């Protein structure tokens, strides 16, 4: 299937709507992990110096799994709409894992 994949997503989030965004992101991530083959979950990160800058690092078993999931309809359209209302999507960039020394 190929090497493990990490996808880095970036958003500008209205700081006043961060909790709404976070809750929607969690619902979306849980739905993707439950419904899409190869989805291994994600983590959400926020810049403490610029609270409107948010990124997520999603883990996929392979690029093929991620690409196939991208062809499917949304796992949670309502959560997607809430995320969109509270943020501006900037990018989603896939990276193959070539070494991982995390614990």
Protein backbone atom coordinates (compact mmCIF):
# COMPACT_ATOMS: atom_id res chain seq x y z
CA UNK A 1 0.00 0.00 0.00
CA UNK A 2 2.93 2.37 0.44
CA UNK A 3 4.39 4.30 3.36
CA UNK A 4 2.39 5.87 6.17
CA UNK A 5 1.08 9.33 5.30
CA UNK A 6 0.64 12.47 7.38
CA UNK A 7 -1.52 15.28 6.03
CA UNK A 8 -1.07 18.76 7.43
CA UNK A 9 -4.18 20.92 7.24
CA UNK A 10 -4.13 24.64 8.02
CA UNK A 11 -6.92 27.11 8.81
CA UNK A 12 -7.42 30.68 9.97
CA UNK A 13 -10.02 30.38 12.72
CA UNK A 14 -12.03 33.21 14.21
CA UNK A 15 -10.68 33.18 17.81
CA UNK A 16 -14.19 33.92 19.12
CA UNK A 17 -15.42 30.76 17.38
CA UNK A 18 -12.50 28.49 18.22
CA UNK A 19 -14.50 26.19 20.53
CA UNK A 20 -17.18 25.78 17.85
CA UNK A 21 -14.44 24.92 15.32
CA UNK A 22 -12.72 22.50 17.72
CA UNK A 23 -15.95 20.66 18.53
CA UNK A 24 -16.82 20.36 14.83
CA UNK A 25 -13.26 19.23 13.99
CA UNK A 26 -13.48 16.53 16.68
CA UNK A 27 -16.82 15.28 15.34
CA UNK A 28 -15.47 15.24 11.77
CA UNK A 29 -12.24 13.48 12.78
CA UNK A 30 -14.09 10.82 14.77
CA UNK A 31 -16.44 10.20 11.82
CA UNK A 32 -13.55 9.90 9.36
CA UNK A 33 -11.65 7.52 11.66
CA UNK A 34 -14.75 5.35 12.08
CA UNK A 35 -15.90 5.37 8.45
CA UNK A 36 -12.82 5.58 6.21
CA UNK A 37 -10.46 2.67 5.69
CA UNK A 38 -6.89 3.60 6.60
CA UNK A 39 -7.77 6.68 8.68
CA UNK A 40 -5.74 6.66 11.89
CA UNK A 41 -6.92 9.91 13.48
CA UNK A 42 -5.55 13.40 13.80
CA UNK A 43 -4.29 15.99 16.27
CA UNK A 44 -5.28 19.65 16.38
CA UNK A 45 -2.65 22.30 17.12
CA UNK A 46 -3.05 26.01 17.80
CA UNK A 47 -0.36 28.71 17.75
CA UNK A 48 -0.31 30.24 21.26
CA UNK A 49 1.08 33.52 19.87
CA UNK A 50 -1.52 33.73 17.07
CA UNK A 51 -4.70 31.99 18.24
CA UNK A 52 -6.28 32.31 14.79
CA UNK A 53 -3.65 29.95 13.30
CA UNK A 54 -4.66 26.31 13.59
CA UNK A 55 -3.31 23.14 12.03
CA UNK A 56 -4.20 19.48 12.16
CA UNK A 57 -1.88 16.57 11.47
CA UNK A 58 -3.84 13.58 10.22
CA UNK A 59 -2.40 10.08 9.98
CA UNK A 60 -3.30 7.68 7.18
CA UNK A 61 -2.07 4.15 6.58
CA UNK A 62 -1.15 5.12 3.01
CA UNK A 63 -1.59 7.78 0.35
CA UNK A 64 -3.95 5.40 -1.47
CA UNK A 65 -6.26 5.28 1.57
CA UNK A 66 -6.25 9.10 1.84
CA UNK A 67 -6.92 9.56 -1.87
CA UNK A 68 -9.78 7.03 -1.82
CA UNK A 69 -11.33 8.75 1.20
CA UNK A 70 -11.16 12.06 -0.68
CA UNK A 71 -13.36 10.63 -3.43
CA UNK A 72 -16.15 9.79 -0.97
CA UNK A 73 -18.93 12.09 0.26
CA UNK A 74 -18.38 13.84 3.58
CA UNK A 75 -18.55 11.60 6.65
CA UNK A 76 -20.21 14.38 8.63
CA UNK A 77 -21.60 17.24 6.48
CA UNK A 78 -23.00 19.16 9.46
CA UNK A 79 -19.60 19.26 11.20
CA UNK A 80 -18.00 20.33 7.92
CA UNK A 81 -20.41 23.24 7.64
CA UNK A 82 -19.68 24.33 11.22
CA UNK A 83 -15.93 24.20 10.57
CA UNK A 84 -16.35 26.21 7.39
CA UNK A 85 -18.48 28.85 9.16
CA UNK A 86 -15.84 29.38 11.86
CA UNK A 87 -12.72 29.33 9.69
CA UNK A 88 -10.98 29.87 6.39
CA UNK A 89 -9.34 26.72 5.01
CA UNK A 90 -5.79 27.48 3.87
CA UNK A 91 -4.23 24.19 2.80
CA UNK A 92 -4.03 20.43 3.06
CA UNK A 93 -0.63 18.97 2.19
CA UNK A 94 0.27 15.25 2.25
CA UNK A 95 3.70 14.07 3.42
CA UNK A 96 5.04 10.53 3.29
CA UNK A 97 6.56 9.40 6.58
CA UNK A 98 10.21 8.55 5.94
CA UNK A 99 11.24 8.35 9.62
CA UNK A 100 9.28 8.58 12.86
CA UNK A 101 11.03 8.76 16.22
CA UNK A 102 7.97 9.81 18.23
CA UNK A 103 6.96 7.71 21.21
